Every structure is written in C-alpha cells, then in structure tokens.
C-alpha cells in the first residue's frame, strides 16, 4: 500500500485512532539518518514476511532525518511517516503504533543489527497465547555489543531486575512483538527517547504481564550509533527509579527506610561506646526519618493498589488468540 504522510505534531491516540481487530502484523521501524542501512532492512523484511505468508505492513517513521533516509523507502511497498524535526526514538515508535493498521506490533531497528528473519518465529510464539510480549534477547552465540557499554548495561539490568522482581535477559532489545491493545494502556507513560524499550519492559513486568525472551544474534550496526554512553546511562538509571516509584514504590522507600534505621542504630551505639554518651537527638532524628520514609512508601503502595489497574491477564485482553482462529 502506498502511503507517505507528514504527521507533525501527532494527535492523541485516544481521540483520533481506534483499536483495530484486523489480524496481521504492523512492523514499525524508527529511522533517523539511516540511509545506509534502511534499504537492506526493508528488503529482508519483505522477503521474510512474503515467504511466511502473513498479512503485514511495514511502517517507516522518518524521525526528522537530514540525509536520504526517506528517499530509500519505496512508498509503493511501505508506509512512510515523517516527523519534521528529530523527536526521538520513542516518539517515532509511538507515531507508528498510533497509525498501525493491525493488532500485532513488531518493532525493529533500521541499522541492520537485528536478524529480522526471526520475526515469524516470534510471531508464532506470541500467538500461542502464553505470553503478552516476545523479546528477541541479544544472548545468542554471536552478539556484538561494544565493551564500553557492557558495565553500564549490566548495572542497569540488575537495577531493573530488582524493581521487576525477576530475571531480565535483555532489558532494552529493539526487536520485540506485542499486541497493540496492550501497549496502548502505557502509551502516555512511554518516553520519547531511547528509554522507550526499557520502560515498556518494566511497565509490563510490573503490571503482571508475561514476557518471553528468545535468544538471537546481534550484528554490528550499519552507520553511526545515536547512543550517548554517559548521558543515556544516567537517564536510564533515573528512568528505572521513576518507574519503580510509579509501579512499585515500596521497593524504593522500604530499603531506604531500613538503611536509615541501621544508620541510626549504628550511630547511637557508636556514640554510646566511643564517647560514653548517647547522641539521643541525632539518633532519634535518623530513626524517625527511617520510619517516616517507610510509612510514606506504604502509603504510596496503598494508593498505587487502589488506582485502576491495566488489563493483566490474557483472557481479559480485547483481542487475543481467538483473533486467529
């Protein structure tokens, strides 16, 4: 289908875009200055999906590119949506999701790093009805991730696992499939930057959705990376803490309260045995702060539990396995 549209600004999905019950796959590719890689990615995707025999569309969201990215996209075979300025990786994905025609969303990158020929296998796993999102985890035999990024990636993943309460093989893989109805519940929460994938992973895990991880290889990218190692790492850490405060506040407040309580007890014992006199005022202030922070966490947790929860079970989803029967 030929489709080229400039859509800046994007309208609210709740007002102008209705859920679709059409079975099929909308493959969304955010692209910013990817003229060197986008054509090969599109060729591989069309070959893979046509051989699989699936109803599909490919949506390329040109996020304000200043090179020839848009010119590489054939409008007769793909839908091309364009931002007039660079608004971010997450913003491009949200634009694609809002304009998707089908009820399954597949997202991938335009730089050739992901083996997109595995999308049919991921789609079949999602259709089995045993999970809400399938993530292509970069844990295969051939994974190219620069060593400079690995320590930060490890630390961020451990923090995310603490928040989610479960193992996360790949926190921010850019190749994943999920139902459009599911992601719409979190669309206003999802950020416009690279942390989109981190947020959707934690949002779904924190709300009881089932996420399955399938190992894949990960290739060197074509073109220059847009990631800023230091700035984006700090942003990811701040984001994970904000998500924890939003979905599981007790996991932040309670450890902090316990830590302060231990500090207060240690300080009291230290002053008693080191100086022969208990520093009662400072000790009590620290201990009272510990109880106040813990109480604040309990209050936040109670408020969070009383808020309307997103649909959490597969049976409650408006469009699910029966769509394909």
Foldseek 3Di string as FASTA:
>chain_A
DFAEEEPPPPDDLVPPFDDALAAFEEEEEEDAQLQPQQLVVVVQLVVLCVVVVTHYAYEYEYQCHPDCNVVSDDRVRHHYYYYVHRQADLSSVLSSLSPDRHFKYWYDYRFPFFPNSCVVVQVVVQLVLPFFKEAAAAPDPAADDDPVQVVLQVVLQVLLCLLLVHHDRHQQGRTMMGTSLVCSVCSVVADRYSCNSNLVSSVLSLQQGGYHYDYDHTHDTHDDDPDDRPVVSVVSVVVSQVSSLQRPLLSPLLVVLVVLLVVLVVQQVCCCVVVVDGPVPVSVVSNVVSVVSNVVSVVSVVVNVPPDGDDNHSVPRPHGSVSVD
